[in-house]
N, C-alpha and C. Protein backbone atom coordinates (compact mmCIF):
# COMPACT_ATOMS: atom_id res chain seq x y z
N UNK A 1 0.90 -1.09 0.03
CA UNK A 1 -0.05 -0.17 -0.03
C UNK A 1 1.10 1.24 0.32
N UNK A 2 0.62 2.20 -0.96
CA UNK A 2 1.32 3.56 -1.36
C UNK A 2 0.89 4.26 0.07
N UNK A 3 1.59 5.40 0.44
CA UNK A 3 1.69 5.74 1.80
C UNK A 3 1.54 7.30 0.85
N UNK A 4 0.97 8.23 1.87
CA UNK A 4 0.95 9.29 1.37
C UNK A 4 1.59 10.41 1.33
N UNK A 5 1.65 11.34 0.35
CA UNK A 5 3.21 12.13 0.82
C UNK A 5 3.80 13.02 2.12
N UNK A 6 2.83 13.31 2.82
CA UNK A 6 2.66 13.43 3.93
C UNK A 6 3.26 13.23 5.06
N UNK A 7 3.08 11.39 5.42
CA UNK A 7 3.41 10.60 5.62
C UNK A 7 4.80 10.13 5.10
N UNK A 8 5.21 10.26 3.66
CA UNK A 8 6.77 10.12 3.63
C UNK A 8 7.31 10.58 4.12
N UNK A 9 7.15 12.02 4.15
CA UNK A 9 7.51 13.57 4.47
C UNK A 9 8.17 13.66 6.05
N UNK A 10 7.03 12.46 6.80
CA UNK A 10 7.31 12.08 8.32
C UNK A 10 7.55 11.51 8.60
N UNK A 11 7.49 10.13 7.82
CA UNK A 11 8.91 9.48 8.30
C UNK A 11 9.97 9.17 8.10
N UNK A 12 10.39 10.65 6.60
CA UNK A 12 11.70 10.60 6.39
C UNK A 12 12.07 11.70 7.60
N UNK A 13 11.83 12.11 8.61
CA UNK A 13 12.01 13.43 9.89
C UNK A 13 12.37 12.61 10.59
N UNK A 14 11.12 11.63 11.06
CA UNK A 14 11.28 10.77 12.27
C UNK A 14 13.14 9.23 11.66
N UNK A 15 12.70 9.11 10.32
CA UNK A 15 14.15 8.37 9.83
C UNK A 15 15.59 9.09 9.97
N UNK A 16 15.65 10.72 10.10
CA UNK A 16 17.12 11.49 10.40
C UNK A 16 17.22 11.37 11.67
N UNK A 17 16.13 11.46 12.34
CA UNK A 17 16.36 11.67 13.79
C UNK A 17 17.09 10.58 14.01
N UNK A 18 16.76 9.66 13.78
CA UNK A 18 16.90 8.20 13.83
C UNK A 18 17.87 7.51 13.75
N UNK A 19 18.35 7.96 11.96
CA UNK A 19 19.85 7.84 12.44
C UNK A 19 21.19 8.19 12.54
N UNK A 20 22.12 6.99 13.01
CA UNK A 20 22.96 7.66 13.97
C UNK A 20 24.22 8.66 13.11
N UNK A 21 24.30 9.75 13.26
CA UNK A 21 25.73 10.70 11.88
C UNK A 21 26.60 10.10 12.66
N UNK A 22 27.30 8.56 11.98
CA UNK A 22 28.44 8.62 12.49
C UNK A 22 29.76 8.17 11.22
N UNK A 23 30.74 9.40 11.58
CA UNK A 23 31.41 8.70 10.07
C UNK A 23 31.61 7.81 9.72
N UNK A 24 32.35 7.17 10.58
CA UNK A 24 31.95 6.01 10.46
C UNK A 24 30.67 5.22 9.26
N UNK A 25 29.88 5.63 9.19
CA UNK A 25 28.84 5.19 8.92
C UNK A 25 28.71 5.60 7.10
N UNK A 26 28.85 6.60 7.29
CA UNK A 26 29.13 7.61 6.26
C UNK A 26 29.68 7.40 4.75
N UNK A 27 31.24 6.31 5.44
CA UNK A 27 31.56 5.72 4.29
C UNK A 27 30.69 4.64 3.49
N UNK A 28 29.89 4.11 4.55
CA UNK A 28 28.79 2.88 3.40
C UNK A 28 27.94 3.36 3.39
N UNK A 29 27.24 3.91 4.04
CA UNK A 29 25.65 3.94 3.71
C UNK A 29 25.62 5.79 3.23
N UNK A 30 24.24 5.98 2.23
CA UNK A 30 24.50 7.17 1.92
C UNK A 30 23.96 7.76 3.01
N UNK A 31 22.71 7.12 3.77
CA UNK A 31 21.80 8.25 4.15
C UNK A 31 23.14 9.64 5.02
N UNK A 32 23.99 9.70 5.44
CA UNK A 32 24.93 10.99 6.16
C UNK A 32 25.46 11.77 5.61
N UNK A 33 25.16 11.83 4.33
CA UNK A 33 25.77 12.97 3.53
C UNK A 33 24.08 13.14 3.18
N UNK A 34 22.93 12.74 2.65
CA UNK A 34 21.91 13.21 2.72
C UNK A 34 21.14 13.97 3.53
N UNK A 35 21.35 13.24 5.27
CA UNK A 35 21.02 14.05 6.51
C UNK A 35 21.40 14.78 6.85
N UNK A 36 22.64 14.64 6.46
CA UNK A 36 23.66 16.33 6.54
C UNK A 36 22.86 17.51 6.11
N UNK A 37 22.88 17.11 4.56
CA UNK A 37 22.40 18.09 3.41
C UNK A 37 21.00 18.65 3.62
N UNK A 38 20.06 17.84 4.40
CA UNK A 38 18.91 18.00 4.31
C UNK A 38 18.54 18.67 5.55
N UNK A 39 19.62 18.83 6.58
CA UNK A 39 19.41 19.69 7.92
C UNK A 39 19.89 20.89 7.46
N UNK A 40 21.04 20.50 7.31
CA UNK A 40 21.29 22.18 6.60
C UNK A 40 20.27 23.31 5.44
N UNK A 41 19.71 22.12 4.40
CA UNK A 41 18.90 22.64 3.58
C UNK A 41 17.97 23.41 4.87
N UNK A 42 17.16 22.77 5.88
CA UNK A 42 16.13 23.02 6.30
C UNK A 42 16.81 24.26 7.65
N UNK A 43 17.76 24.59 7.94
CA UNK A 43 18.01 25.86 8.57
C UNK A 43 18.41 27.02 7.34
N UNK A 44 18.88 26.74 6.20
CA UNK A 44 19.40 27.51 5.44
C UNK A 44 19.28 28.28 4.69
N UNK A 45 17.49 27.83 3.90
CA UNK A 45 16.90 28.00 2.53
C UNK A 45 16.04 28.56 2.75
N UNK A 46 14.84 28.83 3.75
CA UNK A 46 14.03 29.50 3.95
C UNK A 46 14.70 30.45 4.01
N UNK A 47 15.77 31.06 4.49
CA UNK A 47 16.77 32.28 4.87
C UNK A 47 16.75 33.00 3.25
N UNK A 48 17.17 31.86 2.47
CA UNK A 48 18.15 31.93 0.83
C UNK A 48 16.69 32.04 0.17
N UNK A 49 14.56 32.06 0.36
CA UNK A 49 14.40 32.30 -0.05
C UNK A 49 14.22 33.70 0.22
N UNK A 50 13.58 33.78 1.14
CA UNK A 50 13.50 35.66 1.64
C UNK A 50 14.48 36.58 1.08
N UNK A 51 15.07 36.48 0.93
CA UNK A 51 16.76 37.02 0.76
C UNK A 51 16.25 37.05 -0.75
N UNK A 52 15.88 35.97 -1.54
CA UNK A 52 16.21 35.97 -3.01
C UNK A 52 15.05 37.59 -3.26
N UNK A 53 13.88 37.33 -3.15
CA UNK A 53 12.69 37.73 -2.72
C UNK A 53 12.94 38.77 -2.63
N UNK A 54 13.78 39.85 -1.53
CA UNK A 54 14.01 41.07 -1.45
C UNK A 54 14.84 42.13 -2.06
N UNK A 55 15.74 40.48 -3.03
CA UNK A 55 16.75 41.01 -3.60
C UNK A 55 16.45 41.70 -5.16
N UNK A 56 15.54 40.09 -5.69
CA UNK A 56 14.74 40.97 -6.61
C UNK A 56 13.94 42.15 -6.74
N UNK A 57 13.18 41.74 -5.61
CA UNK A 57 11.99 42.80 -5.99
C UNK A 57 12.79 43.97 -5.55
N UNK A 58 13.90 44.57 -4.95
CA UNK A 58 14.43 45.19 -4.67
C UNK A 58 15.25 46.17 -6.13
N UNK A 59 15.70 45.57 -6.78
CA UNK A 59 16.89 45.62 -7.61
C UNK A 59 16.02 45.49 -9.00
N UNK A 60 14.88 45.19 -9.17
CA UNK A 60 14.19 44.87 -10.01
C UNK A 60 12.67 45.14 -10.47
N UNK A 61 12.09 45.28 -9.16
CA UNK A 61 10.62 45.89 -9.56
C UNK A 61 9.76 44.64 -8.85
N UNK A 62 8.65 45.75 -8.53
CA UNK A 62 7.52 44.34 -8.46
C UNK A 62 7.67 43.72 -9.43
N UNK A 63 7.17 44.19 -10.68
CA UNK A 63 7.07 43.28 -12.15
C UNK A 63 7.66 42.23 -12.26
N UNK A 64 8.96 41.43 -10.96
CA UNK A 64 9.57 40.73 -11.07
C UNK A 64 8.66 39.41 -10.02
N UNK A 65 7.71 40.22 -9.54
CA UNK A 65 7.73 39.72 -8.36
C UNK A 65 7.27 37.45 -8.22
N UNK A 66 6.67 37.91 -9.53
CA UNK A 66 5.94 36.35 -10.03
C UNK A 66 7.18 35.72 -9.94
N UNK A 67 8.35 35.46 -10.81
CA UNK A 67 9.50 34.81 -11.03
C UNK A 67 10.57 34.84 -9.79
N UNK A 68 10.52 35.99 -8.70
CA UNK A 68 11.06 35.94 -7.62
C UNK A 68 10.16 35.27 -6.54
N UNK A 69 9.35 34.79 -6.53
CA UNK A 69 7.84 34.20 -5.86
C UNK A 69 8.41 32.72 -5.72
N UNK A 70 8.19 32.56 -7.69
CA UNK A 70 8.23 30.42 -8.02
C UNK A 70 10.09 30.21 -8.02
N UNK A 71 10.71 31.15 -7.54
CA UNK A 71 12.19 30.62 -7.15
C UNK A 71 12.56 29.95 -6.05
N UNK A 72 11.43 31.15 -4.84
CA UNK A 72 11.42 30.94 -3.75
C UNK A 72 10.74 29.75 -3.44
N UNK A 73 9.70 29.37 -3.79
CA UNK A 73 9.26 28.11 -3.77
C UNK A 73 9.78 26.84 -4.46
N UNK A 74 10.96 27.03 -5.46
CA UNK A 74 11.92 25.87 -6.05
C UNK A 74 12.92 25.49 -4.93
N UNK A 75 13.22 27.11 -3.73
CA UNK A 75 13.89 27.07 -3.27
C UNK A 75 13.74 26.49 -1.56
N UNK A 76 12.16 26.28 -1.30
CA UNK A 76 11.11 25.54 -0.48
C UNK A 76 11.41 24.22 -0.42
N UNK A 77 11.64 24.11 -1.64
CA UNK A 77 11.15 22.63 -2.17
C UNK A 77 12.53 21.64 -0.96
N UNK A 78 13.25 22.12 -1.11
CA UNK A 78 14.50 21.15 -1.58
C UNK A 78 14.68 20.41 -0.37
N UNK A 79 14.71 21.61 0.66
CA UNK A 79 14.63 20.42 2.13
C UNK A 79 13.30 19.69 2.31
N UNK A 80 12.20 19.95 1.68
CA UNK A 80 11.08 18.97 1.33
C UNK A 80 11.47 17.54 0.35
N UNK A 81 12.27 17.70 -0.35
CA UNK A 81 12.49 16.65 -1.45
C UNK A 81 13.33 15.83 -0.63
N UNK A 82 14.61 16.05 0.27
CA UNK A 82 15.39 15.37 0.71
C UNK A 82 14.86 14.35 2.05
N UNK A 83 13.93 15.03 2.77
CA UNK A 83 12.72 14.56 3.44
C UNK A 83 11.77 13.26 2.76
N UNK A 84 11.63 13.77 1.54
CA UNK A 84 10.38 12.89 0.67
C UNK A 84 11.69 11.75 0.30
N UNK A 85 12.96 12.23 0.15
CA UNK A 85 13.74 10.48 -0.03
C UNK A 85 13.78 9.80 1.60
N UNK A 86 14.48 9.87 2.20
CA UNK A 86 14.65 10.00 3.08
C UNK A 86 13.78 8.71 4.25
N UNK A 87 12.31 9.56 3.74
CA UNK A 87 10.52 8.34 4.18
C UNK A 87 10.97 7.12 3.49
N UNK A 88 10.88 7.82 1.73
CA UNK A 88 10.76 6.67 1.10
C UNK A 88 12.19 5.41 0.97
N UNK A 89 13.26 6.05 2.07
CA UNK A 89 14.55 5.05 2.40
C UNK A 89 13.85 4.34 2.87
N UNK A 90 13.69 4.79 3.64
CA UNK A 90 13.25 4.06 5.65
C UNK A 90 12.01 3.33 5.70
N UNK A 91 11.69 3.31 4.30
CA UNK A 91 10.37 2.18 4.35
C UNK A 91 11.32 1.36 3.19
N UNK A 92 12.11 1.39 2.85
CA UNK A 92 12.89 0.44 1.61
C UNK A 92 12.61 -1.15 2.22
N UNK A 93 12.72 -2.46 1.80
CA UNK A 93 13.63 -3.17 2.07
C UNK A 93 14.67 -3.42 1.84
N UNK A 94 15.91 -4.03 2.53
CA UNK A 94 17.21 -4.31 2.64
C UNK A 94 17.62 -5.34 1.63
N UNK A 95 19.36 -4.29 0.71
CA UNK A 95 19.61 -5.64 -0.25
C UNK A 95 19.63 -6.68 0.58
N UNK A 96 19.69 -7.98 -0.28
CA UNK A 96 20.07 -8.93 0.09
C UNK A 96 21.13 -9.33 0.98
N UNK A 97 22.37 -8.89 0.79
CA UNK A 97 23.70 -8.77 1.47
C UNK A 97 23.17 -7.81 2.87
N UNK A 98 23.25 -6.44 2.48
CA UNK A 98 22.38 -5.54 3.46
C UNK A 98 21.63 -6.57 5.03
N UNK A 99 20.94 -7.08 4.34
CA UNK A 99 19.65 -7.80 5.20
C UNK A 99 20.30 -9.47 5.84
N UNK A 100 21.54 -9.72 4.92
CA UNK A 100 21.94 -10.33 6.33
C UNK A 100 22.86 -9.74 7.22
N UNK A 101 23.40 -9.00 6.67
CA UNK A 101 24.18 -8.55 8.02
C UNK A 101 23.80 -7.86 8.48
N UNK A 102 22.12 -7.47 8.64
CA UNK A 102 21.28 -6.71 9.88
C UNK A 102 21.25 -8.23 10.82
N UNK A 103 20.76 -9.19 10.29
CA UNK A 103 20.38 -10.59 10.70
C UNK A 103 21.57 -11.26 11.58
N UNK A 104 23.35 -10.77 11.12
CA UNK A 104 24.55 -11.39 12.19
C UNK A 104 24.53 -9.60 13.27
N UNK A 105 24.34 -8.58 12.97
CA UNK A 105 24.33 -7.52 14.05
C UNK A 105 23.07 -7.58 15.60
N UNK A 106 22.31 -8.05 14.52
CA UNK A 106 21.22 -8.81 15.91
C UNK A 106 21.46 -9.85 16.26
N UNK A 107 22.19 -10.51 15.99
CA UNK A 107 22.07 -11.57 16.33
C UNK A 107 23.34 -11.98 17.38
N UNK A 108 24.30 -10.99 16.80
CA UNK A 108 25.30 -10.75 17.98
C UNK A 108 25.43 -9.88 19.23
N UNK A 109 23.29 -8.89 18.99
CA UNK A 109 23.64 -7.98 19.71
C UNK A 109 22.66 -8.95 20.89
N UNK A 110 21.83 -10.12 20.62
CA UNK A 110 21.27 -11.04 21.52
C UNK A 110 21.82 -11.92 22.44
N UNK A 111 22.92 -11.93 21.75
CA UNK A 111 24.09 -12.49 22.44
C UNK A 111 24.73 -11.43 23.47
N UNK A 112 24.70 -10.49 23.60
CA UNK A 112 25.57 -9.76 24.53
C UNK A 112 23.86 -9.10 25.53
N UNK A 113 22.55 -9.30 25.30
CA UNK A 113 21.51 -9.19 26.29
C UNK A 113 20.78 -7.92 25.67
N UNK A 114 20.77 -7.71 24.17
CA UNK A 114 20.36 -6.57 24.22
C UNK A 114 19.05 -6.79 23.03
N UNK A 115 18.51 -6.39 23.33
CA UNK A 115 16.87 -7.56 21.87
C UNK A 115 16.59 -6.06 21.10
N UNK A 116 16.97 -5.21 20.25
CA UNK A 116 15.76 -3.45 19.69
C UNK A 116 14.37 -4.85 19.04
N UNK A 117 13.68 -3.76 19.58
CA UNK A 117 12.23 -3.90 18.40
C UNK A 117 12.14 -3.90 17.26
N UNK A 118 12.94 -4.85 16.27
CA UNK A 118 12.96 -4.27 15.06
C UNK A 118 12.17 -5.75 14.82
N UNK A 119 12.20 -5.63 12.83
CA UNK A 119 11.55 -6.77 11.96
C UNK A 119 12.99 -7.47 11.44
N UNK A 120 12.99 -8.81 11.73
CA UNK A 120 14.16 -9.77 11.32
C UNK A 120 14.14 -10.07 10.03
N UNK A 121 12.39 -10.79 10.15
CA UNK A 121 11.81 -11.61 8.36
C UNK A 121 12.11 -10.17 7.59
N UNK A 122 11.62 -9.28 7.48
CA UNK A 122 11.68 -8.10 5.90
C UNK A 122 12.43 -6.79 6.73
N UNK A 123 13.84 -6.62 7.08
CA UNK A 123 13.92 -5.61 7.24
C UNK A 123 14.18 -4.58 6.18
N UNK A 124 13.89 -3.36 6.98
CA UNK A 124 14.02 -1.87 5.98
C UNK A 124 14.89 -1.24 6.75
N UNK A 125 15.70 -0.18 5.57
CA UNK A 125 16.43 0.51 6.28
C UNK A 125 15.97 1.12 7.71
N UNK A 126 15.20 1.82 7.72
CA UNK A 126 14.34 1.91 9.27
C UNK A 126 14.88 1.46 9.86
N UNK A 127 14.49 0.22 9.81
CA UNK A 127 14.80 -1.12 11.16
C UNK A 127 16.09 -0.98 11.10
N UNK A 128 17.23 -0.81 10.11
CA UNK A 128 18.65 -1.39 10.30
C UNK A 128 19.05 0.42 10.54
N UNK A 129 18.43 1.65 10.98
CA UNK A 129 18.69 2.93 11.40
C UNK A 129 18.53 3.11 12.61
N UNK A 130 17.46 2.55 12.97
CA UNK A 130 16.85 1.88 14.79
C UNK A 130 18.01 0.21 15.77
N UNK A 131 18.75 -0.22 14.48
CA UNK A 131 19.60 -0.86 15.01
C UNK A 131 20.98 -0.67 15.10
N UNK A 132 21.32 0.19 14.56
CA UNK A 132 22.64 1.24 14.47
C UNK A 132 22.65 1.86 15.41
N UNK A 133 21.72 2.86 15.51
CA UNK A 133 21.41 3.47 17.05
C UNK A 133 21.80 2.99 18.38
N UNK A 134 21.11 1.58 18.24
CA UNK A 134 21.11 0.99 19.67
C UNK A 134 22.47 0.00 19.69
N UNK A 135 23.34 0.40 18.66
CA UNK A 135 24.79 -0.36 18.83
C UNK A 135 25.63 0.71 18.86
N UNK A 136 25.10 1.96 18.61
CA UNK A 136 26.26 2.83 19.46
C UNK A 136 25.56 3.50 20.79
N UNK A 137 24.61 3.64 21.60
CA UNK A 137 24.28 3.53 22.60
C UNK A 137 24.19 2.83 23.32
N UNK A 138 23.84 1.41 23.05
CA UNK A 138 24.50 0.52 24.20
C UNK A 138 25.07 -0.20 24.36
N UNK A 139 26.32 -0.34 23.03
CA UNK A 139 26.86 -1.70 23.31
C UNK A 139 28.36 -0.67 23.13
N UNK A 140 29.78 -2.13 23.40
CA UNK A 140 30.33 -1.06 23.94
C UNK A 140 31.36 -0.51 22.39
N UNK A 141 32.82 -0.20 22.53
CA UNK A 141 33.64 -0.13 21.38
C UNK A 141 34.68 -1.17 21.14
N UNK A 142 34.55 -2.05 22.09
CA UNK A 142 34.65 -3.47 21.35
C UNK A 142 34.03 -3.84 20.10
N UNK A 143 32.63 -3.78 20.39
CA UNK A 143 31.25 -4.54 19.64
C UNK A 143 31.50 -3.90 18.45
N UNK A 144 31.89 -2.06 18.47
CA UNK A 144 31.70 -1.83 17.27
C UNK A 144 33.01 -2.03 16.12
N UNK A 145 34.13 -1.90 16.88
CA UNK A 145 35.40 -2.84 15.44
C UNK A 145 34.84 -3.83 15.88
N UNK A 146 34.12 -4.80 16.48
CA UNK A 146 34.01 -6.05 15.96
C UNK A 146 33.10 -6.51 15.19
N UNK A 147 32.07 -5.77 14.40
CA UNK A 147 30.86 -5.47 13.42
C UNK A 147 31.92 -4.28 12.15
N UNK A 148 32.14 -3.55 12.38
CA UNK A 148 32.79 -2.76 11.53
C UNK A 148 33.64 -2.56 11.19
C-alpha cells in the first residue's frame, strides 16, 4: 500500500532523527550525507528564499515578483525533497547482502543481552537505522570494532 506524501515526509523526518550520524557509517551508507545536507537546507534555505525575494523585488521592481516567488518556492522545496527521499528510503527493504549483515548484527546483539524491537524477517532501512542507533548507544567500543 502506498503512503501519502505527508506520511513519507514524516517518515523521513523520523528516519533522519533515528539514523546515527557517525562518520564510519558515512563511508558505507548514503544516509549520512543526505541527512547532513537536508538538515543544512532546513536551516539555511528559508533565509535564502526570503533574501532572494527581497533582492529581486528591490533591484528589479515589483514586475518580477512572480519570478521571485517561483524561485523562492523552488528553494523551499529542496529540504522537502530530502525528507521525502529519506522517507522512501526508510520504508525500502534492505538488499539481500545488507539484510544478511543486519541479521548478523542483530544476532550478536542478542548474544550480548540487547534485543532491539525490529523486524528480522523483512528488514527495512528504518529498522537498520534503529538497530545502528542501539549499537552506538548501548554497546561498547569492542563490539563496534567487531561489527565494522
